[in-house]
């Protein structure tokens, strides 16, 4: 299963626990702000969406 930008941050962490490090490295709020999509979280926290998506999918393998 591939991680997509529309998936909620908390859902990704539950399905792929290794991704929590990626969110932390990119300084994405995955605690209180984890109920939004990856795309919205990136916009909120000013993170490059393409870069984090590549890192997340690599970590999920």
C-alpha atoms as a PDB file:
ATOM      1  CA  UNK A   1       0.000   0.000   0.000  1.00  0.00           C
ATOM      2  CA  UNK A   2       1.307   3.394  -0.957  1.00  0.00           C
ATOM      3  CA  UNK A   3       0.965   6.389   1.335  1.00  0.00           C
ATOM      4  CA  UNK A   4      -0.905   9.270  -0.304  1.00  0.00           C
ATOM      5  CA  UNK A   5      -1.108  12.972   0.528  1.00  0.00           C
ATOM      6  CA  UNK A   6      -4.811  12.612   1.362  1.00  0.00           C
ATOM      7  CA  UNK A   7      -4.214  10.153   4.207  1.00  0.00           C
ATOM      8  CA  UNK A   8      -4.485  11.450   7.773  1.00  0.00           C
ATOM      9  CA  UNK A   9      -1.188  11.714   9.615  1.00  0.00           C
ATOM     10  CA  UNK A  10      -2.393   9.624  12.581  1.00  0.00           C
ATOM     11  CA  UNK A  11      -3.703   6.888  10.260  1.00  0.00           C
ATOM     12  CA  UNK A  12      -0.331   6.662   8.517  1.00  0.00           C
ATOM     13  CA  UNK A  13       1.492   6.362  11.844  1.00  0.00           C
ATOM     14  CA  UNK A  14      -0.870   3.600  13.006  1.00  0.00           C
ATOM     15  CA  UNK A  15      -0.432   1.576   9.802  1.00  0.00           C
ATOM     16  CA  UNK A  16       3.282   2.322   9.386  1.00  0.00           C
ATOM     17  CA  UNK A  17       4.882   3.007  12.807  1.00  0.00           C
ATOM     18  CA  UNK A  18       8.302   3.674  11.257  1.00  0.00           C
ATOM     19  CA  UNK A  19       6.915   6.852   9.691  1.00  0.00           C
ATOM     20  CA  UNK A  20       6.768   8.650  13.037  1.00  0.00           C
ATOM     21  CA  UNK A  21      10.491   9.370  12.675  1.00  0.00           C
ATOM     22  CA  UNK A  22       9.883  10.919   9.245  1.00  0.00           C
ATOM     23  CA  UNK A  23       7.180  13.213  10.612  1.00  0.00           C
ATOM     24  CA  UNK A  24       9.507  14.181  13.480  1.00  0.00           C
ATOM     25  CA  UNK A  25      12.454  14.803  11.130  1.00  0.00           C
ATOM     26  CA  UNK A  26      10.308  17.101   8.978  1.00  0.00           C
ATOM     27  CA  UNK A  27       8.882  18.761  12.124  1.00  0.00           C
ATOM     28  CA  UNK A  28       5.287  17.860  11.284  1.00  0.00           C
ATOM     29  CA  UNK A  29       2.976  18.045  14.304  1.00  0.00           C
ATOM     30  CA  UNK A  30       1.765  14.451  14.525  1.00  0.00           C
ATOM     31  CA  UNK A  31       0.474  14.684  18.076  1.00  0.00           C
ATOM     32  CA  UNK A  32      -2.118  17.428  18.409  1.00  0.00           C
ATOM     33  CA  UNK A  33      -2.215  18.122  14.667  1.00  0.00           C
ATOM     34  CA  UNK A  34      -2.367  14.532  13.463  1.00  0.00           C
ATOM     35  CA  UNK A  35      -6.043  14.452  12.502  1.00  0.00           C
ATOM     36  CA  UNK A  36      -5.413  16.297   9.217  1.00  0.00           C
ATOM     37  CA  UNK A  37      -4.217  14.985   5.868  1.00  0.00           C
ATOM     38  CA  UNK A  38      -0.511  14.924   5.127  1.00  0.00           C
ATOM     39  CA  UNK A  39      -1.104  17.638   2.523  1.00  0.00           C
ATOM     40  CA  UNK A  40      -2.806  19.955   5.041  1.00  0.00           C
ATOM     41  CA  UNK A  41      -0.168  19.214   7.677  1.00  0.00           C
ATOM     42  CA  UNK A  42       2.587  20.149   5.229  1.00  0.00           C
ATOM     43  CA  UNK A  43       0.846  23.407   4.337  1.00  0.00           C
ATOM     44  CA  UNK A  44       0.334  24.214   8.032  1.00  0.00           C
ATOM     45  CA  UNK A  45       3.916  23.391   9.044  1.00  0.00           C
ATOM     46  CA  UNK A  46       5.542  24.712   5.816  1.00  0.00           C
ATOM     47  CA  UNK A  47       7.017  21.376   4.716  1.00  0.00           C
ATOM     48  CA  UNK A  48       7.823  20.314   1.133  1.00  0.00           C
ATOM     49  CA  UNK A  49       5.051  17.836   0.281  1.00  0.00           C
ATOM     50  CA  UNK A  50       7.018  15.947  -2.381  1.00  0.00           C
ATOM     51  CA  UNK A  51      10.036  15.482  -0.112  1.00  0.00           C
ATOM     52  CA  UNK A  52       8.050  14.120   2.823  1.00  0.00           C
ATOM     53  CA  UNK A  53       5.942  11.849   0.602  1.00  0.00           C
ATOM     54  CA  UNK A  54       9.094  10.263  -0.803  1.00  0.00           C
ATOM     55  CA  UNK A  55      10.522   9.788   2.699  1.00  0.00           C
ATOM     56  CA  UNK A  56       7.256   8.389   4.082  1.00  0.00           C
ATOM     57  CA  UNK A  57       6.864   5.825   1.320  1.00  0.00           C
ATOM     58  CA  UNK A  58      10.498   4.784   1.697  1.00  0.00           C
ATOM     59  CA  UNK A  59      10.040   4.317   5.467  1.00  0.00           C
ATOM     60  CA  UNK A  60       6.832   2.321   4.954  1.00  0.00           C
ATOM     61  CA  UNK A  61       8.545  -0.325   2.803  1.00  0.00           C
END
